[in-house]
Amino acid sequence: MASEDWQYSSHDCLSQLPFFRAAYSLALIGVFDSGVGGLSVLDEALRQLPEHRYIYLADSLHAPYGEKSSEWIAARSLELCHYLVAQGCDAIVIACNTATAQAIAQIRSALPHIPIVGVEPGIKPAAMQSANGVVGVLATEATLKSDKFNALLATLPHHCQFIKQAGAGLVPLIEAGQANSEATLELLAEHLIPIQEAGADTLVLGCTHYPFLRKAIRKLLGDAINLIDTSEAVVRQLKRSLLLQDTSIAADDVAGSVQFISSKDSEVLLKMAHELMQSDLSTHRTKSITVSTFH
């Protein structure tokens, strides 16, 4: 472990009181992604379920996952989930479209005792919301080629046309803190050309990194296009899973802790969390750790 740092808020003292500890059952929720993309899901989780405790694990040393083999993705994702279970997590959110597509079935089979919530491109709501029946899907190559994605695609109405576009090169730029840079804008513009030319009125953000490109997408496509991000639905599913586990959903205004773990640089991860997330992390007790091995 290369670095460790705790930051405390005024809520921290309250959370130590027996009354607050006994008022409801707090879950420890693990959220993992290949890098910072899953912060978009964590952000939504903190909005809907701020009282619970979280571990956010970013495997930034190996980002992006989208260009790796399905076998490697499945093995690595399972390894990280085993690590989160060892930390005491009561539920795990696979906040990575690629890992969900390639590994969630294997992970659920290996860890049947805890809820495993995945993310997938919101092509079903996109098909329902599109006015002209033309939907753009921006995702990683691995997600677009996965059996899970194509099985889902096959269930949707045939009258809806899906323009699938791999966002090669976008994730490394976001990981480097360049979500709003000119280089990102230029690359994004290239990827969006087929979607624009097809006349899509709806765009699915098929990677958890891509919500951080909203500003750039709006600059290129304007406000008329409908952007589909499934983070809110994913956290609603997490909430249902916690209720089924008899883990109470509290109404108290007490913020839980957030531990940030990176396989590369925890200080950079924490810095990017402050920059990318809308949640006020100062209301949570935060800790950042760099972990070199997850065995």
C-alpha atoms as a PDB file:
ATOM      1  CA  MET A   1       0.000   0.000   0.000  1.00  0.00           C
ATOM      2  CA  ALA A   2       1.680   3.157  -1.206  1.00  0.00           C
ATOM      3  CA  SER A   3      -0.512   5.855   0.291  1.00  0.00           C
ATOM      4  CA  GLU A   4      -3.265   6.273   2.829  1.00  0.00           C
ATOM      5  CA  ASP A   5      -5.168   9.375   3.816  1.00  0.00           C
ATOM      6  CA  TRP A   6      -8.339   9.914   5.848  1.00  0.00           C
ATOM      7  CA  GLN A   7     -10.390  13.088   5.632  1.00  0.00           C
ATOM      8  CA  TYR A   8     -13.092  13.740   8.215  1.00  0.00           C
ATOM      9  CA  SER A   9     -16.301  15.748   8.039  1.00  0.00           C
ATOM     10  CA  SER A  10     -18.626  17.124  10.720  1.00  0.00           C
ATOM     11  CA  HIS A  11     -20.905  14.136  10.089  1.00  0.00           C
ATOM     12  CA  ASP A  12     -18.177  11.817  11.322  1.00  0.00           C
ATOM     13  CA  CYS A  13     -18.703  12.568  15.024  1.00  0.00           C
ATOM     14  CA  LEU A  14     -22.437  11.929  14.744  1.00  0.00           C
ATOM     15  CA  SER A  15     -21.912   8.602  13.013  1.00  0.00           C
ATOM     16  CA  GLN A  16     -19.841   7.374  15.965  1.00  0.00           C
ATOM     17  CA  LEU A  17     -22.728   7.811  18.441  1.00  0.00           C
ATOM     18  CA  PRO A  18     -24.500   4.568  19.446  1.00  0.00           C
ATOM     19  CA  PHE A  19     -27.894   6.057  18.488  1.00  0.00           C
ATOM     20  CA  PHE A  20     -26.825   6.580  14.908  1.00  0.00           C
ATOM     21  CA  ARG A  21     -25.062   3.217  14.676  1.00  0.00           C
ATOM     22  CA  ALA A  22     -28.145   1.388  15.940  1.00  0.00           C
ATOM     23  CA  ALA A  23     -30.736   3.410  14.027  1.00  0.00           C
ATOM     24  CA  TYR A  24     -30.310   1.344  10.866  1.00  0.00           C
ATOM     25  CA  SER A  25     -28.167  -1.316   9.281  1.00  0.00           C
ATOM     26  CA  LEU A  26     -25.446   0.199   7.143  1.00  0.00           C
ATOM     27  CA  ALA A  27     -24.199  -1.738   4.142  1.00  0.00           C
ATOM     28  CA  LEU A  28     -20.645  -1.759   2.861  1.00  0.00           C
ATOM     29  CA  ILE A  29     -20.978  -1.479  -0.915  1.00  0.00           C
ATOM     30  CA  GLY A  30     -18.129  -2.250  -3.275  1.00  0.00           C
ATOM     31  CA  VAL A  31     -18.036  -0.424  -6.615  1.00  0.00           C
ATOM     32  CA  PHE A  32     -15.366  -1.301  -9.150  1.00  0.00           C
ATOM     33  CA  ASP A  33     -14.335  -0.201 -12.612  1.00  0.00           C
ATOM     34  CA  SER A  34     -11.260  -0.369 -14.813  1.00  0.00           C
ATOM     35  CA  GLY A  35     -10.607   3.243 -13.807  1.00  0.00           C
ATOM     36  CA  VAL A  36     -12.506   6.439 -13.045  1.00  0.00           C
ATOM     37  CA  GLY A  37     -15.577   5.725 -15.188  1.00  0.00           C
ATOM     38  CA  GLY A  38     -17.443   4.041 -12.349  1.00  0.00           C
ATOM     39  CA  LEU A  39     -17.277   7.305 -10.416  1.00  0.00           C
ATOM     40  CA  SER A  40     -20.378   8.264 -12.410  1.00  0.00           C
ATOM     41  CA  VAL A  41     -22.208   5.338 -10.771  1.00  0.00           C
ATOM     42  CA  LEU A  42     -20.719   6.063  -7.337  1.00  0.00           C
ATOM     43  CA  ASP A  43     -21.876   9.665  -7.729  1.00  0.00           C
ATOM     44  CA  GLU A  44     -25.455   8.497  -8.252  1.00  0.00           C
ATOM     45  CA  ALA A  45     -25.168   6.027  -5.373  1.00  0.00           C
ATOM     46  CA  LEU A  46     -24.102   8.817  -3.035  1.00  0.00           C
ATOM     47  CA  ARG A  47     -27.102  10.835  -4.202  1.00  0.00           C
ATOM     48  CA  GLN A  48     -29.636   8.055  -3.641  1.00  0.00           C
ATOM     49  CA  LEU A  49     -27.967   6.172  -0.767  1.00  0.00           C
ATOM     50  CA  PRO A  50     -25.602   8.614   0.974  1.00  0.00           C
ATOM     51  CA  GLU A  51     -25.745   6.944   4.390  1.00  0.00           C
ATOM     52  CA  HIS A  52     -24.079   3.673   3.400  1.00  0.00           C
ATOM     53  CA  ARG A  53     -20.349   2.955   3.353  1.00  0.00           C
ATOM     54  CA  TYR A  54     -18.547   2.514   0.036  1.00  0.00           C
ATOM     55  CA  ILE A  55     -15.332   1.102  -1.354  1.00  0.00           C
ATOM     56  CA  TYR A  56     -14.540   2.388  -4.833  1.00  0.00           C
ATOM     57  CA  LEU A  57     -11.912   0.236  -6.554  1.00  0.00           C
ATOM     58  CA  ALA A  58     -10.267   1.578  -9.707  1.00  0.00           C
ATOM     59  CA  ASP A  59      -8.053  -0.857 -11.590  1.00  0.00           C
ATOM     60  CA  SER A  60      -6.339   2.052 -13.340  1.00  0.00           C
ATOM     61  CA  LEU A  61      -3.103   0.147 -13.768  1.00  0.00           C
ATOM     62  CA  HIS A  62      -4.881  -2.003 -16.354  1.00  0.00           C
ATOM     63  CA  ALA A  63      -7.265   0.542 -17.890  1.00  0.00           C
ATOM     64  CA  PRO A  64      -8.878   0.388 -20.340  1.00  0.00           C
ATOM     65  CA  TYR A  65     -10.531  -3.029 -20.209  1.00  0.00           C
ATOM     66  CA  GLY A  66     -12.287  -2.556 -23.546  1.00  0.00           C
ATOM     67  CA  GLU A  67      -9.227  -3.553 -25.555  1.00  0.00           C
ATOM     68  CA  LYS A  68      -8.393  -6.709 -23.558  1.00  0.00           C
ATOM     69  CA  SER A  69      -9.438 -10.312 -24.158  1.00  0.00           C
ATOM     70  CA  SER A  70     -12.704 -11.585 -22.710  1.00  0.00           C
ATOM     71  CA  GLU A  71     -10.788 -14.249 -20.759  1.00  0.00           C
ATOM     72  CA  TRP A  72      -8.517 -11.671 -19.130  1.00  0.00           C
ATOM     73  CA  ILE A  73     -11.453  -9.379 -18.291  1.00  0.00           C
ATOM     74  CA  ALA A  74     -13.425 -12.212 -16.676  1.00  0.00           C
ATOM     75  CA  ALA A  75     -10.473 -13.434 -14.613  1.00  0.00           C
ATOM     76  CA  ARG A  76      -9.452  -9.961 -13.451  1.00  0.00           C
ATOM     77  CA  SER A  77     -13.009  -8.908 -12.620  1.00  0.00           C
ATOM     78  CA  LEU A  78     -13.551 -12.017 -10.519  1.00  0.00           C
ATOM     79  CA  GLU A  79     -10.253 -11.408  -8.710  1.00  0.00           C
ATOM     80  CA  LEU A  80     -11.318  -7.866  -7.814  1.00  0.00           C
ATOM     81  CA  CYS A  81     -14.731  -9.042  -6.629  1.00  0.00           C
ATOM     82  CA  HIS A  82     -13.108 -11.648  -4.375  1.00  0.00           C
ATOM     83  CA  TYR A  83     -10.979  -8.839  -2.933  1.00  0.00           C
ATOM     84  CA  LEU A  84     -14.077  -6.705  -2.235  1.00  0.00           C
ATOM     85  CA  VAL A  85     -15.778  -9.627  -0.530  1.00  0.00           C
ATOM     86  CA  ALA A  86     -12.670 -10.099   1.617  1.00  0.00           C
ATOM     87  CA  GLN A  87     -13.008  -6.453   2.673  1.00  0.00           C
ATOM     88  CA  GLY A  88     -16.496  -7.248   3.971  1.00  0.00           C
ATOM     89  CA  CYS A  89     -18.673  -5.862   1.172  1.00  0.00           C
ATOM     90  CA  ASP A  90     -22.386  -6.694   1.434  1.00  0.00           C
ATOM     91  CA  ALA A  91     -23.055  -5.926  -2.241  1.00  0.00           C
ATOM     92  CA  ILE A  92     -20.940  -5.241  -5.323  1.00  0.00           C
ATOM     93  CA  VAL A  93     -21.647  -2.960  -8.259  1.00  0.00           C
ATOM     94  CA  ILE A  94     -19.697  -3.796 -11.409  1.00  0.00           C
ATOM     95  CA  ALA A  95     -19.580  -0.190 -12.621  1.00  0.00           C
ATOM     96  CA  CYS A  96     -17.964  -1.138 -15.907  1.00  0.00           C
ATOM     97  CA  ASN A  97     -19.945  -2.037 -19.024  1.00  0.00           C
ATOM     98  CA  THR A  98     -17.131  -4.172 -20.409  1.00  0.00           C
ATOM     99  CA  ALA A  99     -16.671  -6.161 -17.184  1.00  0.00           C
ATOM    100  CA  THR A 100     -20.427  -6.624 -16.868  1.00  0.00           C
ATOM    101  CA  ALA A 101     -20.701  -7.912 -20.435  1.00  0.00           C
ATOM    102  CA  GLN A 102     -17.756 -10.296 -20.126  1.00  0.00           C
ATOM    103  CA  ALA A 103     -17.825 -11.438 -16.524  1.00  0.00           C
ATOM    104  CA  ILE A 104     -21.041 -10.908 -14.549  1.00  0.00           C
ATOM    105  CA  ALA A 105     -22.420 -14.418 -15.094  1.00  0.00           C
ATOM    106  CA  GLN A 106     -19.171 -15.971 -13.871  1.00  0.00           C
ATOM    107  CA  ILE A 107     -18.989 -13.590 -10.895  1.00  0.00           C
ATOM    108  CA  ARG A 108     -22.574 -14.307  -9.815  1.00  0.00           C
ATOM    109  CA  SER A 109     -21.892 -18.029 -10.054  1.00  0.00           C
ATOM    110  CA  ALA A 110     -18.726 -17.731  -7.946  1.00  0.00           C
ATOM    111  CA  LEU A 111     -20.292 -15.362  -5.379  1.00  0.00           C
ATOM    112  CA  PRO A 112     -23.921 -16.452  -4.988  1.00  0.00           C
ATOM    113  CA  HIS A 113     -24.247 -15.170  -1.424  1.00  0.00           C
ATOM    114  CA  ILE A 114     -24.136 -11.416  -2.156  1.00  0.00           C
ATOM    115  CA  PRO A 115     -25.932  -9.192  -4.679  1.00  0.00           C
ATOM    116  CA  ILE A 116     -23.913  -8.439  -7.807  1.00  0.00           C
ATOM    117  CA  VAL A 117     -25.316  -5.487  -9.748  1.00  0.00           C
ATOM    118  CA  GLY A 118     -23.995  -4.790 -13.231  1.00  0.00           C
ATOM    119  CA  VAL A 119     -24.352  -2.036 -15.803  1.00  0.00           C
ATOM    120  CA  GLU A 120     -25.249  -2.375 -19.447  1.00  0.00           C
ATOM    121  CA  PRO A 121     -25.917   0.098 -22.276  1.00  0.00           C
ATOM    122  CA  GLY A 122     -29.417   1.533 -22.008  1.00  0.00           C
ATOM    123  CA  ILE A 123     -30.517   0.425 -25.468  1.00  0.00           C
ATOM    124  CA  LYS A 124     -33.966  -0.679 -24.278  1.00  0.00           C
ATOM    125  CA  PRO A 125     -34.993   2.725 -22.828  1.00  0.00           C
ATOM    126  CA  ALA A 126     -33.324   4.372 -25.834  1.00  0.00           C
ATOM    127  CA  ALA A 127     -35.527   2.385 -28.229  1.00  0.00           C
ATOM    128  CA  MET A 128     -38.596   3.402 -26.235  1.00  0.00           C
ATOM    129  CA  GLN A 129     -37.685   7.083 -26.101  1.00  0.00           C
ATOM    130  CA  SER A 130     -36.424   7.598 -29.665  1.00  0.00           C
ATOM    131  CA  ALA A 131     -38.898   9.547 -31.786  1.00  0.00           C
ATOM    132  CA  ASN A 132     -37.426   8.625 -35.173  1.00  0.00           C
ATOM    133  CA  GLY A 133     -36.227   5.106 -34.353  1.00  0.00           C
ATOM    134  CA  VAL A 134     -32.536   5.856 -34.914  1.00  0.00           C
ATOM    135  CA  VAL A 135     -30.331   5.324 -31.856  1.00  0.00           C
ATOM    136  CA  GLY A 136     -26.593   5.795 -31.549  1.00  0.00           C
ATOM    137  CA  VAL A 137     -24.658   3.513 -29.190  1.00  0.00           C
ATOM    138  CA  LEU A 138     -21.219   4.688 -28.093  1.00  0.00           C
ATOM    139  CA  ALA A 139     -19.432   1.891 -26.226  1.00  0.00           C
ATOM    140  CA  THR A 140     -16.180  -0.045 -26.058  1.00  0.00           C
ATOM    141  CA  GLU A 141     -15.343  -2.610 -28.729  1.00  0.00           C
ATOM    142  CA  ALA A 142     -15.534  -5.406 -26.142  1.00  0.00           C
ATOM    143  CA  THR A 143     -19.031  -4.395 -25.070  1.00  0.00           C
ATOM    144  CA  LEU A 144     -20.337  -4.117 -28.635  1.00  0.00           C
ATOM    145  CA  LYS A 145     -18.951  -7.556 -29.525  1.00  0.00           C
ATOM    146  CA  SER A 146     -20.132  -9.286 -26.347  1.00  0.00           C
ATOM    147  CA  ASP A 147     -22.775 -12.002 -26.408  1.00  0.00           C
ATOM    148  CA  LYS A 148     -24.659 -10.263 -23.597  1.00  0.00           C
ATOM    149  CA  PHE A 149     -25.014  -7.005 -25.538  1.00  0.00           C
ATOM    150  CA  ASN A 150     -26.042  -8.685 -28.777  1.00  0.00           C
ATOM    151  CA  ALA A 151     -28.537 -10.936 -26.992  1.00  0.00           C
ATOM    152  CA  LEU A 152     -30.152  -7.841 -25.517  1.00  0.00           C
ATOM    153  CA  LEU A 153     -30.116  -6.148 -28.915  1.00  0.00           C
ATOM    154  CA  ALA A 154     -31.928  -9.106 -30.463  1.00  0.00           C
ATOM    155  CA  THR A 155     -34.877  -8.637 -28.085  1.00  0.00           C
ATOM    156  CA  LEU A 156     -35.602  -5.072 -29.211  1.00  0.00           C
ATOM    157  CA  PRO A 157     -38.028  -3.938 -31.944  1.00  0.00           C
ATOM    158  CA  HIS A 158     -36.646  -4.472 -35.450  1.00  0.00           C
ATOM    159  CA  HIS A 159     -37.964  -1.126 -36.645  1.00  0.00           C
ATOM    160  CA  CYS A 160     -35.406   0.632 -34.414  1.00  0.00           C
ATOM    161  CA  GLN A 161     -32.022   1.176 -36.056  1.00  0.00           C
ATOM    162  CA  PHE A 162     -28.969   1.053 -33.798  1.00  0.00           C
ATOM    163  CA  ILE A 163     -25.784   2.772 -34.974  1.00  0.00           C
ATOM    164  CA  LYS A 164     -23.022   1.055 -33.000  1.00  0.00           C
ATOM    165  CA  GLN A 165     -19.780   2.971 -32.596  1.00  0.00           C
ATOM    166  CA  ALA A 166     -16.704   1.962 -30.600  1.00  0.00           C
ATOM    167  CA  GLY A 167     -15.188   4.890 -28.719  1.00  0.00           C
ATOM    168  CA  ALA A 168     -11.563   3.810 -29.147  1.00  0.00           C
ATOM    169  CA  GLY A 169      -9.135   6.111 -27.365  1.00  0.00           C
ATOM    170  CA  LEU A 170     -11.712   8.005 -25.291  1.00  0.00           C
ATOM    171  CA  VAL A 171     -11.210   6.130 -22.023  1.00  0.00           C
ATOM    172  CA  PRO A 172      -7.434   6.790 -21.806  1.00  0.00           C
ATOM    173  CA  LEU A 173      -8.091  10.505 -22.329  1.00  0.00           C
ATOM    174  CA  ILE A 174     -10.685  10.582 -19.566  1.00  0.00           C
ATOM    175  CA  GLU A 175      -8.344   8.596 -17.311  1.00  0.00           C
ATOM    176  CA  ALA A 176      -5.695  11.251 -17.968  1.00  0.00           C
ATOM    177  CA  GLY A 177      -8.056  13.999 -16.777  1.00  0.00           C
ATOM    178  CA  GLN A 178      -8.668  15.316 -20.295  1.00  0.00           C
ATOM    179  CA  ALA A 179     -12.445  14.828 -20.579  1.00  0.00           C
ATOM    180  CA  ASN A 180     -12.916  18.419 -21.747  1.00  0.00           C
ATOM    181  CA  SER A 181      -9.697  18.847 -23.732  1.00  0.00           C
ATOM    182  CA  GLU A 182      -9.437  19.710 -27.424  1.00  0.00           C
ATOM    183  CA  ALA A 183      -7.864  16.311 -28.130  1.00  0.00           C
ATOM    184  CA  THR A 184     -10.883  14.571 -26.615  1.00  0.00           C
ATOM    185  CA  LEU A 185     -13.284  16.829 -28.491  1.00  0.00           C
ATOM    186  CA  GLU A 186     -11.577  16.054 -31.815  1.00  0.00           C
ATOM    187  CA  LEU A 187     -11.550  12.289 -31.248  1.00  0.00           C
ATOM    188  CA  LEU A 188     -15.139  12.309 -30.010  1.00  0.00           C
ATOM    189  CA  ALA A 189     -16.211  14.262 -33.094  1.00  0.00           C
ATOM    190  CA  GLU A 190     -14.733  11.530 -35.318  1.00  0.00           C
ATOM    191  CA  HIS A 191     -16.566   8.791 -33.436  1.00  0.00           C
ATOM    192  CA  LEU A 192     -19.873  10.635 -33.597  1.00  0.00           C
ATOM    193  CA  ILE A 193     -19.816  11.167 -37.384  1.00  0.00           C
ATOM    194  CA  PRO A 194     -21.639   7.886 -38.281  1.00  0.00           C
ATOM    195  CA  ILE A 195     -24.225   8.569 -35.590  1.00  0.00           C
ATOM    196  CA  GLN A 196     -24.794  12.121 -36.824  1.00  0.00           C
ATOM    197  CA  GLU A 197     -24.975  11.059 -40.455  1.00  0.00           C
ATOM    198  CA  ALA A 198     -27.611   8.435 -39.596  1.00  0.00           C
ATOM    199  CA  GLY A 199     -29.769  11.141 -38.003  1.00  0.00           C
ATOM    200  CA  ALA A 200     -29.928   9.599 -34.539  1.00  0.00           C
ATOM    201  CA  ASP A 201     -32.096  11.500 -32.073  1.00  0.00           C
ATOM    202  CA  THR A 202     -30.907   9.425 -29.092  1.00  0.00           C
ATOM    203  CA  LEU A 203     -27.409   8.483 -27.961  1.00  0.00           C
ATOM    204  CA  VAL A 204     -26.659   5.689 -25.501  1.00  0.00           C
ATOM    205  CA  LEU A 205     -23.611   6.323 -23.318  1.00  0.00           C
ATOM    206  CA  GLY A 206     -22.520   2.688 -23.279  1.00  0.00           C
ATOM    207  CA  CYS A 207     -19.485   3.053 -21.021  1.00  0.00           C
ATOM    208  CA  THR A 208     -19.482   4.457 -17.488  1.00  0.00           C
ATOM    209  CA  HIS A 209     -16.668   6.807 -18.506  1.00  0.00           C
ATOM    210  CA  TYR A 210     -18.823   8.498 -21.131  1.00  0.00           C
ATOM    211  CA  PRO A 211     -21.168  10.505 -18.845  1.00  0.00           C
ATOM    212  CA  PHE A 212     -18.092  12.639 -18.167  1.00  0.00           C
ATOM    213  CA  LEU A 213     -18.195  13.592 -21.870  1.00  0.00           C
ATOM    214  CA  ARG A 214     -21.666  15.134 -21.644  1.00  0.00           C
ATOM    215  CA  LYS A 215     -20.326  18.661 -22.009  1.00  0.00           C
ATOM    216  CA  ALA A 216     -18.271  17.733 -25.088  1.00  0.00           C
ATOM    217  CA  ILE A 217     -21.163  15.783 -26.629  1.00  0.00           C
ATOM    218  CA  ARG A 218     -23.536  18.711 -26.151  1.00  0.00           C
ATOM    219  CA  LYS A 219     -20.975  20.991 -27.756  1.00  0.00           C
ATOM    220  CA  LEU A 220     -20.833  18.727 -30.810  1.00  0.00           C
ATOM    221  CA  LEU A 221     -24.439  17.555 -31.106  1.00  0.00           C
ATOM    222  CA  GLY A 222     -26.421  20.263 -29.355  1.00  0.00           C
ATOM    223  CA  ASP A 223     -29.169  19.976 -26.771  1.00  0.00           C
ATOM    224  CA  ALA A 224     -31.757  18.260 -28.972  1.00  0.00           C
ATOM    225  CA  ILE A 225     -30.254  14.781 -28.833  1.00  0.00           C
ATOM    226  CA  ASN A 226     -31.412  12.602 -25.936  1.00  0.00           C
ATOM    227  CA  LEU A 227     -28.542  11.135 -23.881  1.00  0.00           C
ATOM    228  CA  ILE A 228     -29.152   7.807 -22.130  1.00  0.00           C
ATOM    229  CA  ASP A 229     -27.127   7.056 -18.991  1.00  0.00           C
ATOM    230  CA  THR A 230     -28.206   4.082 -16.861  1.00  0.00           C
ATOM    231  CA  SER A 231     -26.525   5.114 -13.574  1.00  0.00           C
ATOM    232  CA  GLU A 232     -29.817   6.059 -11.923  1.00  0.00           C
ATOM    233  CA  ALA A 233     -31.435   2.727 -12.852  1.00  0.00           C
ATOM    234  CA  VAL A 234     -28.368   0.796 -11.659  1.00  0.00           C
ATOM    235  CA  VAL A 235     -28.542   2.402  -8.210  1.00  0.00           C
ATOM    236  CA  ARG A 236     -32.285   1.774  -8.002  1.00  0.00           C
ATOM    237  CA  GLN A 237     -31.497  -1.911  -8.590  1.00  0.00           C
ATOM    238  CA  LEU A 238     -28.826  -1.737  -5.879  1.00  0.00           C
ATOM    239  CA  LYS A 239     -31.390  -0.245  -3.506  1.00  0.00           C
ATOM    240  CA  ARG A 240     -33.841  -3.092  -4.250  1.00  0.00           C
ATOM    241  CA  SER A 241     -31.070  -5.624  -3.630  1.00  0.00           C
ATOM    242  CA  LEU A 242     -30.268  -4.081  -0.246  1.00  0.00           C
ATOM    243  CA  LEU A 243     -33.928  -4.164   0.764  1.00  0.00           C
ATOM    244  CA  LEU A 244     -34.132  -7.842  -0.167  1.00  0.00           C
ATOM    245  CA  GLN A 245     -31.104  -8.406   2.059  1.00  0.00           C
ATOM    246  CA  ASP A 246     -33.015  -6.724   4.895  1.00  0.00           C
ATOM    247  CA  THR A 247     -30.536  -3.854   4.893  1.00  0.00           C
ATOM    248  CA  SER A 248     -32.516  -0.778   5.839  1.00  0.00           C
ATOM    249  CA  ILE A 249     -32.613   2.313   3.642  1.00  0.00           C
ATOM    250  CA  ALA A 250     -32.282   5.181   6.070  1.00  0.00           C
ATOM    251  CA  ALA A 251     -33.794   8.618   5.796  1.00  0.00           C
ATOM    252  CA  ASP A 252     -31.326  10.180   8.240  1.00  0.00           C
ATOM    253  CA  ASP A 253     -29.037  12.883   6.923  1.00  0.00           C
ATOM    254  CA  VAL A 254     -25.858  11.091   7.949  1.00  0.00           C
ATOM    255  CA  ALA A 255     -23.225  10.550   5.280  1.00  0.00           C
ATOM    256  CA  GLY A 256     -21.275   7.315   5.242  1.00  0.00           C
ATOM    257  CA  SER A 257     -17.601   6.818   4.432  1.00  0.00           C
ATOM    258  CA  VAL A 258     -16.007   6.360   1.010  1.00  0.00           C
ATOM    259  CA  GLN A 259     -12.741   4.480   0.605  1.00  0.00           C
ATOM    260  CA  PHE A 260     -10.959   4.958  -2.729  1.00  0.00           C
ATOM    261  CA  ILE A 261      -8.626   2.138  -3.776  1.00  0.00           C
ATOM    262  CA  SER A 262      -6.454   2.297  -6.889  1.00  0.00           C
ATOM    263  CA  SER A 263      -4.129  -0.255  -8.428  1.00  0.00           C
ATOM    264  CA  LYS A 264      -2.063   2.645  -9.762  1.00  0.00           C
ATOM    265  CA  ASP A 265      -2.223   5.935  -7.819  1.00  0.00           C
ATOM    266  CA  SER A 266      -4.808   6.576  -5.101  1.00  0.00           C
ATOM    267  CA  GLU A 267      -3.984  10.270  -4.786  1.00  0.00           C
ATOM    268  CA  VAL A 268      -4.736  10.820  -8.468  1.00  0.00           C
ATOM    269  CA  LEU A 269      -7.955   8.823  -8.094  1.00  0.00           C
ATOM    270  CA  LEU A 270      -9.125  10.937  -5.164  1.00  0.00           C
ATOM    271  CA  LYS A 271      -8.246  14.140  -7.008  1.00  0.00           C
ATOM    272  CA  MET A 272     -10.241  13.039 -10.054  1.00  0.00           C
ATOM    273  CA  ALA A 273     -13.161  12.025  -7.859  1.00  0.00           C
ATOM    274  CA  HIS A 274     -13.322  15.588  -6.545  1.00  0.00           C
ATOM    275  CA  GLU A 275     -13.097  16.955 -10.087  1.00  0.00           C
ATOM    276  CA  LEU A 276     -15.522  14.623 -11.868  1.00  0.00           C
ATOM    277  CA  MET A 277     -18.205  13.922  -9.272  1.00  0.00           C
ATOM    278  CA  GLN A 278     -21.043  16.278  -8.420  1.00  0.00           C
ATOM    279  CA  SER A 279     -21.407  14.845  -4.915  1.00  0.00           C
ATOM    280  CA  ASP A 280     -19.870  16.896  -2.119  1.00  0.00           C
ATOM    281  CA  LEU A 281     -17.233  14.512  -0.827  1.00  0.00           C
ATOM    282  CA  SER A 282     -16.494  16.848   2.087  1.00  0.00           C
ATOM    283  CA  THR A 283     -19.685  15.543   3.726  1.00  0.00           C
ATOM    284  CA  HIS A 284     -18.224  12.029   3.735  1.00  0.00           C
ATOM    285  CA  ARG A 285     -15.251  10.539   5.516  1.00  0.00           C
ATOM    286  CA  THR A 286     -12.869   9.591   2.719  1.00  0.00           C
ATOM    287  CA  LYS A 287      -9.790   7.414   2.565  1.00  0.00           C
ATOM    288  CA  SER A 288      -7.474   6.661  -0.337  1.00  0.00           C
ATOM    289  CA  ILE A 289      -5.178   3.632  -0.678  1.00  0.00           C
ATOM    290  CA  THR A 290      -2.966   2.275  -3.453  1.00  0.00           C
ATOM    291  CA  VAL A 291      -2.982  -1.544  -3.573  1.00  0.00           C
ATOM    292  CA  SER A 292      -0.490  -3.414  -5.719  1.00  0.00           C
ATOM    293  CA  THR A 293      -1.965  -6.902  -5.449  1.00  0.00           C
ATOM    294  CA  PHE A 294      -5.506  -8.161  -4.884  1.00  0.00           C
ATOM    295  CA  HIS A 295      -4.777 -11.828  -4.081  1.00  0.00           C
END
